[in-house]
Amino acid sequence: MARKAKPTKRKAGRPRLDEAEKAARVQPMTGKQFAAWCDHMGYRDIDAARQLGTAPSTIARYQAKGGPALLGLACAAISAGLPSWKRPE
């Protein structure tokens, strides 16, 4: 006699994303994109590190391997001249 498979339970947590939602997510920044941003802004590694609040070695890693989606958003904000967010009073 064949055993019946137990129904699989869906784990609690994030709901599954459909294809449109996946496409709309902010993508990680590639090394080429980051290097192009640095060139566009006229930043040396030390300048980019100061603007992004990180070490020059991290900047070199971003240029070689890319970085998280957050990096692209930060670069866009800096390019637009936006100040750091502060809570409204």
N, C-alpha and C. Protein backbone atom coordinates (compact mmCIF):
# COMPACT_ATOMS: atom_id res chain seq x y z
N MET A 1 0.84 -1.17 0.00
CA MET A 1 0.00 0.00 0.00
C MET A 1 0.89 1.24 0.00
N ALA A 2 0.57 2.20 -0.87
CA ALA A 2 1.37 3.42 -1.00
C ALA A 2 1.03 4.40 0.13
N ARG A 3 2.07 5.04 0.60
CA ARG A 3 1.86 6.04 1.66
C ARG A 3 1.40 7.35 1.06
N LYS A 4 0.50 8.00 1.73
CA LYS A 4 0.04 9.31 1.27
C LYS A 4 1.05 10.36 1.72
N ALA A 5 1.36 11.27 0.82
CA ALA A 5 2.28 12.35 1.16
C ALA A 5 1.56 13.35 2.05
N LYS A 6 2.26 13.82 3.05
CA LYS A 6 1.68 14.84 3.92
C LYS A 6 1.60 16.15 3.17
N PRO A 7 0.53 16.90 3.36
CA PRO A 7 0.46 18.21 2.69
C PRO A 7 1.55 19.13 3.28
N THR A 8 2.19 19.86 2.40
CA THR A 8 3.25 20.77 2.87
C THR A 8 2.62 22.06 3.37
N LYS A 9 3.11 22.51 4.47
CA LYS A 9 2.62 23.77 5.04
C LYS A 9 3.51 24.89 4.55
N ARG A 10 2.89 25.99 4.24
CA ARG A 10 3.64 27.17 3.83
C ARG A 10 4.18 27.83 5.09
N LYS A 11 5.47 28.14 5.04
CA LYS A 11 6.10 28.80 6.18
C LYS A 11 5.58 30.22 6.33
N ALA A 12 5.44 30.63 7.55
CA ALA A 12 5.02 32.01 7.82
C ALA A 12 6.16 32.94 7.43
N GLY A 13 5.84 34.13 7.12
CA GLY A 13 6.87 35.11 6.75
C GLY A 13 6.41 35.92 5.56
N ARG A 14 7.36 36.25 4.72
CA ARG A 14 7.04 37.07 3.55
C ARG A 14 6.19 36.31 2.54
N PRO A 15 5.22 36.99 1.94
CA PRO A 15 4.45 36.33 0.90
C PRO A 15 5.30 36.19 -0.37
N ARG A 16 4.95 35.25 -1.20
CA ARG A 16 5.69 35.07 -2.45
C ARG A 16 5.40 36.23 -3.38
N LEU A 17 6.40 36.62 -4.15
CA LEU A 17 6.24 37.73 -5.08
C LEU A 17 5.92 37.21 -6.47
N ASP A 18 5.04 37.90 -7.17
CA ASP A 18 4.81 37.52 -8.56
C ASP A 18 5.89 38.19 -9.42
N GLU A 19 5.90 37.88 -10.70
CA GLU A 19 6.96 38.36 -11.59
C GLU A 19 7.01 39.89 -11.67
N ALA A 20 5.86 40.56 -11.69
CA ALA A 20 5.83 42.02 -11.76
C ALA A 20 6.45 42.64 -10.51
N GLU A 21 6.15 42.05 -9.36
CA GLU A 21 6.72 42.56 -8.11
C GLU A 21 8.22 42.34 -8.06
N LYS A 22 8.68 41.21 -8.56
CA LYS A 22 10.12 40.94 -8.60
C LYS A 22 10.83 41.95 -9.51
N ALA A 23 10.22 42.25 -10.66
CA ALA A 23 10.83 43.18 -11.61
C ALA A 23 10.86 44.60 -11.06
N ALA A 24 9.89 44.95 -10.21
CA ALA A 24 9.81 46.30 -9.67
C ALA A 24 10.79 46.54 -8.52
N ARG A 25 11.35 45.49 -7.96
CA ARG A 25 12.30 45.65 -6.85
C ARG A 25 13.56 46.35 -7.32
N VAL A 26 14.16 47.11 -6.44
CA VAL A 26 15.42 47.78 -6.74
C VAL A 26 16.51 46.72 -6.83
N GLN A 27 17.27 46.75 -7.91
CA GLN A 27 18.31 45.75 -8.16
C GLN A 27 19.64 46.18 -7.54
N PRO A 28 20.50 45.22 -7.21
CA PRO A 28 21.83 45.58 -6.70
C PRO A 28 22.60 46.39 -7.73
N MET A 29 23.53 47.21 -7.27
CA MET A 29 24.34 48.03 -8.15
C MET A 29 25.56 47.22 -8.59
N THR A 30 25.82 47.19 -9.89
CA THR A 30 26.98 46.44 -10.38
C THR A 30 28.25 47.26 -10.20
N GLY A 31 29.38 46.58 -10.29
CA GLY A 31 30.67 47.26 -10.18
C GLY A 31 30.86 48.29 -11.29
N LYS A 32 30.42 47.96 -12.51
CA LYS A 32 30.54 48.90 -13.63
C LYS A 32 29.68 50.14 -13.39
N GLN A 33 28.48 49.93 -12.87
CA GLN A 33 27.60 51.07 -12.58
C GLN A 33 28.22 51.97 -11.51
N PHE A 34 28.78 51.35 -10.47
CA PHE A 34 29.36 52.15 -9.40
C PHE A 34 30.59 52.90 -9.88
N ALA A 35 31.44 52.23 -10.66
CA ALA A 35 32.63 52.91 -11.20
C ALA A 35 32.22 54.07 -12.11
N ALA A 36 31.17 53.87 -12.91
CA ALA A 36 30.68 54.95 -13.78
C ALA A 36 30.15 56.11 -12.95
N TRP A 37 29.47 55.81 -11.84
CA TRP A 37 28.97 56.87 -10.96
C TRP A 37 30.14 57.67 -10.37
N CYS A 38 31.17 56.98 -9.91
CA CYS A 38 32.35 57.67 -9.35
C CYS A 38 32.98 58.58 -10.40
N ASP A 39 33.13 58.07 -11.63
CA ASP A 39 33.70 58.88 -12.71
C ASP A 39 32.82 60.09 -13.01
N HIS A 40 31.51 59.87 -13.08
CA HIS A 40 30.56 60.95 -13.36
C HIS A 40 30.64 62.05 -12.29
N MET A 41 30.78 61.65 -11.05
CA MET A 41 30.84 62.61 -9.95
C MET A 41 32.24 63.21 -9.78
N GLY A 42 33.24 62.64 -10.45
CA GLY A 42 34.61 63.12 -10.32
C GLY A 42 35.25 62.71 -9.00
N TYR A 43 34.78 61.61 -8.42
CA TYR A 43 35.27 61.15 -7.12
C TYR A 43 36.44 60.19 -7.26
N ARG A 44 37.45 60.42 -6.44
CA ARG A 44 38.47 59.41 -6.22
C ARG A 44 37.91 58.47 -5.16
N ASP A 45 38.59 57.37 -4.89
CA ASP A 45 38.09 56.41 -3.89
C ASP A 45 37.86 57.08 -2.54
N ILE A 46 38.78 57.93 -2.13
CA ILE A 46 38.67 58.58 -0.82
C ILE A 46 37.47 59.52 -0.78
N ASP A 47 37.20 60.20 -1.90
CA ASP A 47 36.05 61.11 -1.96
C ASP A 47 34.73 60.33 -1.87
N ALA A 48 34.65 59.24 -2.62
CA ALA A 48 33.44 58.41 -2.59
C ALA A 48 33.25 57.82 -1.20
N ALA A 49 34.35 57.41 -0.57
CA ALA A 49 34.26 56.84 0.78
C ALA A 49 33.72 57.87 1.77
N ARG A 50 34.18 59.09 1.67
CA ARG A 50 33.69 60.15 2.58
C ARG A 50 32.21 60.42 2.35
N GLN A 51 31.81 60.50 1.10
CA GLN A 51 30.41 60.79 0.79
C GLN A 51 29.48 59.67 1.27
N LEU A 52 29.94 58.43 1.14
CA LEU A 52 29.10 57.28 1.50
C LEU A 52 29.31 56.81 2.94
N GLY A 53 30.27 57.41 3.63
CA GLY A 53 30.52 57.06 5.02
C GLY A 53 31.10 55.67 5.20
N THR A 54 32.02 55.31 4.33
CA THR A 54 32.64 53.99 4.40
C THR A 54 34.14 54.09 4.14
N ALA A 55 34.82 52.98 4.15
CA ALA A 55 36.28 52.95 3.96
C ALA A 55 36.63 52.88 2.48
N PRO A 56 37.80 53.41 2.09
CA PRO A 56 38.24 53.31 0.70
C PRO A 56 38.33 51.86 0.21
N SER A 57 38.64 50.93 1.11
CA SER A 57 38.71 49.51 0.70
C SER A 57 37.32 49.00 0.30
N THR A 58 36.29 49.51 0.95
CA THR A 58 34.92 49.13 0.58
C THR A 58 34.58 49.69 -0.79
N ILE A 59 35.02 50.89 -1.07
CA ILE A 59 34.79 51.51 -2.39
C ILE A 59 35.45 50.67 -3.47
N ALA A 60 36.68 50.22 -3.22
CA ALA A 60 37.37 49.37 -4.20
C ALA A 60 36.61 48.07 -4.42
N ARG A 61 36.05 47.50 -3.36
CA ARG A 61 35.26 46.27 -3.49
C ARG A 61 33.99 46.53 -4.29
N TYR A 62 33.32 47.66 -4.03
CA TYR A 62 32.12 48.01 -4.79
C TYR A 62 32.45 48.14 -6.29
N GLN A 63 33.59 48.75 -6.60
CA GLN A 63 33.96 48.92 -8.00
C GLN A 63 34.27 47.58 -8.67
N ALA A 64 34.83 46.66 -7.91
CA ALA A 64 35.19 45.35 -8.47
C ALA A 64 34.00 44.39 -8.53
N LYS A 65 33.20 44.36 -7.46
CA LYS A 65 32.15 43.34 -7.36
C LYS A 65 30.73 43.88 -7.31
N GLY A 66 30.57 45.19 -7.20
CA GLY A 66 29.24 45.76 -7.06
C GLY A 66 28.83 45.84 -5.60
N GLY A 67 27.61 46.28 -5.38
CA GLY A 67 27.13 46.45 -4.02
C GLY A 67 25.63 46.26 -3.93
N PRO A 68 25.08 46.40 -2.74
CA PRO A 68 23.64 46.18 -2.53
C PRO A 68 22.79 47.27 -3.19
N ALA A 69 21.51 47.01 -3.28
CA ALA A 69 20.58 47.98 -3.87
C ALA A 69 20.64 49.31 -3.13
N LEU A 70 20.87 49.24 -1.84
CA LEU A 70 20.97 50.45 -1.03
C LEU A 70 22.07 51.39 -1.54
N LEU A 71 23.14 50.83 -2.07
CA LEU A 71 24.24 51.63 -2.61
C LEU A 71 23.77 52.48 -3.79
N GLY A 72 23.01 51.86 -4.68
CA GLY A 72 22.50 52.61 -5.83
C GLY A 72 21.57 53.74 -5.42
N LEU A 73 20.75 53.49 -4.41
CA LEU A 73 19.86 54.53 -3.92
C LEU A 73 20.64 55.67 -3.27
N ALA A 74 21.68 55.33 -2.52
CA ALA A 74 22.52 56.36 -1.89
C ALA A 74 23.24 57.19 -2.96
N CYS A 75 23.75 56.53 -3.98
CA CYS A 75 24.43 57.25 -5.06
C CYS A 75 23.47 58.19 -5.78
N ALA A 76 22.25 57.73 -6.01
CA ALA A 76 21.25 58.58 -6.66
C ALA A 76 20.93 59.80 -5.80
N ALA A 77 20.80 59.61 -4.50
CA ALA A 77 20.50 60.72 -3.59
C ALA A 77 21.64 61.74 -3.57
N ILE A 78 22.87 61.25 -3.53
CA ILE A 78 24.03 62.15 -3.54
C ILE A 78 24.08 62.92 -4.85
N SER A 79 23.85 62.23 -5.96
CA SER A 79 23.86 62.89 -7.28
C SER A 79 22.80 63.99 -7.36
N ALA A 80 21.66 63.76 -6.72
CA ALA A 80 20.57 64.74 -6.74
C ALA A 80 20.78 65.86 -5.73
N GLY A 81 21.83 65.76 -4.91
CA GLY A 81 22.11 66.79 -3.93
C GLY A 81 21.21 66.74 -2.71
N LEU A 82 20.63 65.59 -2.45
CA LEU A 82 19.72 65.46 -1.29
C LEU A 82 20.52 65.38 0.01
N PRO A 83 20.06 66.06 1.04
CA PRO A 83 20.72 65.96 2.34
C PRO A 83 20.29 64.67 3.03
N SER A 84 20.99 64.33 4.08
CA SER A 84 20.58 63.17 4.89
C SER A 84 19.20 63.41 5.45
N TRP A 85 18.43 62.36 5.58
CA TRP A 85 17.07 62.48 6.09
C TRP A 85 17.10 62.82 7.56
N LYS A 86 16.24 63.74 7.94
CA LYS A 86 16.08 64.11 9.34
C LYS A 86 14.60 64.07 9.65
N ARG A 87 14.28 63.63 10.84
CA ARG A 87 12.89 63.55 11.26
C ARG A 87 12.28 64.95 11.32
N PRO A 88 11.10 65.12 10.73
CA PRO A 88 10.45 66.43 10.81
C PRO A 88 10.07 66.77 12.26
N GLU A 89 10.15 68.01 12.56
CA GLU A 89 9.82 68.44 13.93
C GLU A 89 8.38 68.84 14.05
